[in-house]
Amino acid sequence: MKWNHHVNATTKKANSIRGFLQRNVRACPPKTKALLYKTLVRPVLEYASAVWDPSSQENIRKLEMVQRRCARFVLGDYHRESSVTAMLNKLQWGTLQERRAQQRVYMMYSILNGLVDLPVTYFIPVAGPSTRGNPYKLQVPFARTHLFQSTFYPDAIRLWNSLPPSTISCTSLESFKKEVQLVKLR
């Protein structure tokens, strides 16, 4: 039930692609390098991440380090004194952890609106009128262990319940995605 092996394999594959890019497209402009990262490396890091989103800080750090190395590569700045966080802000790349949370919320929207063929019966609305937050809150399943708390259903429902009512009431997935971009989930 832990994602250590999967995260290690994913980061190894993403780092090898990054290394290939560093060796072969060193002279390209930053815009091209950023496009290559978003096309070749980030999909490896995010494939089916709505399901396997790691909860341990060590695994989250490993995944974020790949993106941080890519930011250095894209901007060509390998100085020790340079701030990678400033580079990420300059490139306007959010954290991968935030992107995985957004993917979970997108999947919840798709499930609840019949865009994915999964039964909605797993989701139980909160009984009674809600006085805070969104009126479409769902009951979070009981999770005795931290391991189960971080699996898809409990975590995605917690994220869903934290969304504002205006976001949840969107009528299309595209408009929902635009609204979620404005909300900080993690």
Protein backbone atom coordinates (compact mmCIF):
# COMPACT_ATOMS: atom_id res chain seq x y z
CA MET A 1 0.00 0.00 0.00
CA LYS A 2 3.01 2.31 -0.05
CA TRP A 3 4.15 4.06 -3.20
CA ASN A 4 7.91 3.99 -2.58
CA HIS A 5 8.75 1.59 -5.41
CA HIS A 6 6.45 3.36 -7.87
CA VAL A 7 7.81 6.82 -6.98
CA ASN A 8 11.40 5.58 -7.27
CA ALA A 9 10.72 4.05 -10.71
CA THR A 10 8.86 7.18 -11.87
CA THR A 11 11.57 9.59 -10.74
CA LYS A 12 14.27 7.40 -12.27
CA LYS A 13 12.49 7.41 -15.63
CA ALA A 14 11.80 11.16 -15.50
CA ASN A 15 15.40 11.92 -14.53
CA SER A 16 16.72 9.80 -17.39
CA ILE A 17 14.53 11.73 -19.85
CA ARG A 18 15.75 14.99 -18.30
CA GLY A 19 19.34 13.84 -18.67
CA PHE A 20 18.73 12.98 -22.32
CA LEU A 21 17.31 16.46 -22.88
CA GLN A 22 20.23 18.11 -21.08
CA ARG A 23 22.71 16.30 -23.29
CA ASN A 24 20.91 16.93 -26.58
CA VAL A 25 19.11 20.29 -26.44
CA ARG A 26 21.47 22.35 -24.33
CA ALA A 27 21.62 25.17 -26.89
CA CYS A 28 17.86 25.58 -27.32
CA PRO A 29 16.07 28.65 -25.95
CA PRO A 30 14.31 28.36 -22.55
CA LYS A 31 10.87 28.41 -24.18
CA THR A 32 11.71 25.25 -26.16
CA LYS A 33 13.24 23.56 -23.12
CA ALA A 34 10.12 24.34 -21.07
CA LEU A 35 7.95 22.87 -23.81
CA LEU A 36 10.11 19.73 -23.87
CA TYR A 37 9.78 19.40 -20.08
CA LYS A 38 6.00 19.76 -20.23
CA THR A 39 5.78 17.30 -23.13
CA LEU A 40 8.26 14.60 -22.16
CA VAL A 41 9.06 14.76 -18.44
CA ARG A 42 5.97 16.04 -16.62
CA PRO A 43 3.59 13.46 -18.15
CA VAL A 44 5.82 10.71 -16.71
CA LEU A 45 5.56 12.33 -13.27
CA GLU A 46 1.78 12.79 -13.51
CA TYR A 47 0.53 9.67 -15.27
CA ALA A 48 -2.51 8.45 -13.28
CA SER A 49 -1.39 10.59 -10.35
CA ALA A 50 -4.98 11.13 -9.22
CA VAL A 51 -4.86 7.54 -8.00
CA TRP A 52 -1.31 7.16 -6.68
CA ASP A 53 -0.70 10.60 -5.11
CA PRO A 54 1.94 9.87 -2.43
CA SER A 55 1.37 11.03 1.13
CA SER A 56 4.87 10.64 2.58
CA GLN A 57 7.01 13.76 2.58
CA GLU A 58 9.99 11.78 1.26
CA ASN A 59 8.12 10.65 -1.87
CA ILE A 60 6.67 14.12 -2.43
CA ARG A 61 10.19 15.57 -2.15
CA LYS A 62 11.59 13.07 -4.67
CA LEU A 63 8.97 14.05 -7.24
CA GLU A 64 9.38 17.78 -6.64
CA MET A 65 13.17 17.47 -6.99
CA VAL A 66 12.77 16.28 -10.58
CA GLN A 67 10.81 19.43 -11.41
CA ARG A 68 13.35 21.61 -9.58
CA ARG A 69 16.21 20.08 -11.60
CA CYS A 70 14.23 20.70 -14.78
CA ALA A 71 13.74 24.35 -13.81
CA ARG A 72 17.52 24.73 -13.53
CA PHE A 73 17.90 23.04 -16.93
CA VAL A 74 15.26 25.20 -18.62
CA LEU A 75 16.78 28.44 -17.39
CA GLY A 76 20.36 27.20 -17.67
CA ASP A 77 21.13 28.38 -14.14
CA TYR A 78 23.18 25.87 -12.14
CA HIS A 79 24.72 28.31 -9.63
CA ARG A 80 24.60 27.17 -6.01
CA GLU A 81 23.41 30.58 -4.86
CA SER A 82 20.46 30.66 -7.27
CA SER A 83 17.01 30.14 -5.81
CA VAL A 84 15.14 27.31 -7.50
CA THR A 85 11.89 28.56 -5.96
CA ALA A 86 12.41 31.88 -7.74
CA MET A 87 13.06 29.95 -10.96
CA LEU A 88 9.80 28.01 -10.54
CA ASN A 89 7.95 31.28 -9.95
CA LYS A 90 9.55 32.83 -13.03
CA LEU A 91 8.48 29.82 -15.12
CA GLN A 92 5.04 29.91 -13.44
CA TRP A 93 5.21 26.21 -12.59
CA GLY A 94 3.08 25.23 -9.61
CA THR A 95 4.11 22.37 -7.38
CA LEU A 96 3.46 18.85 -8.60
CA GLN A 97 1.66 18.17 -5.32
CA GLU A 98 -0.85 20.93 -6.12
CA ARG A 99 -1.27 19.58 -9.66
CA ARG A 100 -1.99 16.08 -8.28
CA ALA A 101 -4.62 17.55 -5.94
CA GLN A 102 -6.21 19.33 -8.90
CA GLN A 103 -6.26 16.04 -10.83
CA ARG A 104 -8.10 14.37 -7.93
CA VAL A 105 -10.69 17.13 -7.88
CA TYR A 106 -11.13 16.92 -11.67
CA MET A 107 -11.72 13.18 -11.32
CA MET A 108 -14.30 13.77 -8.56
CA TYR A 109 -16.14 16.25 -10.80
CA SER A 110 -16.08 13.73 -13.65
CA ILE A 111 -17.40 10.93 -11.44
CA LEU A 112 -20.17 13.00 -9.86
CA ASN A 113 -21.31 14.40 -13.21
CA GLY A 114 -21.36 11.06 -15.03
CA LEU A 115 -18.36 11.80 -17.26
CA VAL A 116 -16.61 8.67 -15.96
CA ASP A 117 -18.33 5.32 -15.74
CA LEU A 118 -17.98 4.80 -12.00
CA PRO A 119 -20.94 4.32 -9.67
CA VAL A 120 -21.86 7.43 -7.72
CA THR A 121 -23.28 5.24 -4.94
CA TYR A 122 -19.90 5.28 -3.17
CA PHE A 123 -20.49 8.93 -2.32
CA ILE A 124 -22.84 9.80 0.51
CA PRO A 125 -24.02 13.41 0.78
CA VAL A 126 -23.67 15.04 4.18
CA ALA A 127 -27.02 14.80 5.97
CA GLY A 128 -28.88 18.04 6.61
CA PRO A 129 -28.35 21.51 5.22
CA SER A 130 -24.77 22.74 5.17
CA THR A 131 -24.24 26.17 6.71
CA ARG A 132 -20.57 26.44 5.73
CA GLY A 133 -18.71 25.90 2.50
CA ASN A 134 -20.34 24.28 -0.47
CA PRO A 135 -23.85 22.81 -0.26
CA TYR A 136 -22.77 19.65 -2.11
CA LYS A 137 -20.51 18.26 0.59
CA LEU A 138 -19.91 14.53 0.73
CA GLN A 139 -19.33 12.36 3.76
CA VAL A 140 -15.68 11.38 4.16
CA PRO A 141 -15.37 7.62 4.70
CA PHE A 142 -14.03 6.56 8.07
CA ALA A 143 -10.31 5.89 7.87
CA ARG A 144 -8.61 4.36 10.86
CA THR A 145 -5.11 4.54 9.41
CA HIS A 146 -3.20 7.40 7.83
CA LEU A 147 -2.47 5.12 4.89
CA PHE A 148 -6.18 4.81 4.05
CA GLN A 149 -6.82 8.52 4.72
CA SER A 150 -4.49 9.39 1.87
CA THR A 151 -6.07 7.06 -0.70
CA PHE A 152 -8.22 8.41 -3.51
CA TYR A 153 -11.74 8.45 -2.04
CA PRO A 154 -11.12 10.00 1.42
CA ASP A 155 -8.58 12.53 0.14
CA ALA A 156 -10.56 13.48 -2.97
CA ILE A 157 -13.74 13.94 -0.92
CA ARG A 158 -11.89 16.19 1.56
CA LEU A 159 -10.57 18.27 -1.35
CA TRP A 160 -14.05 18.37 -2.93
CA ASN A 161 -15.62 19.56 0.32
CA SER A 162 -13.07 22.39 0.56
CA LEU A 163 -14.09 23.89 -2.80
CA PRO A 164 -16.24 27.04 -2.88
CA PRO A 165 -19.86 26.68 -4.08
CA SER A 166 -19.23 28.73 -7.23
CA THR A 167 -16.59 26.23 -8.35
CA ILE A 168 -18.70 23.14 -7.73
CA SER A 169 -21.71 24.57 -9.55
CA CYS A 170 -19.82 24.83 -12.88
CA THR A 171 -21.67 23.25 -15.77
CA SER A 172 -18.72 21.99 -17.81
CA LEU A 173 -15.42 20.34 -17.02
CA GLU A 174 -13.50 23.11 -18.79
CA SER A 175 -15.10 25.86 -16.71
CA PHE A 176 -14.60 23.74 -13.58
CA LYS A 177 -10.87 23.39 -14.36
CA LYS A 178 -10.53 27.15 -14.80
CA GLU A 179 -12.21 27.76 -11.44
CA VAL A 180 -10.07 25.15 -9.66
CA GLN A 181 -6.93 26.87 -10.96
CA LEU A 182 -7.90 29.87 -8.81
CA VAL A 183 -8.20 27.80 -5.61
CA LYS A 184 -5.24 26.64 -3.50
CA LEU A 185 -5.89 23.01 -2.59
CA ARG A 186 -2.66 22.06 -0.78
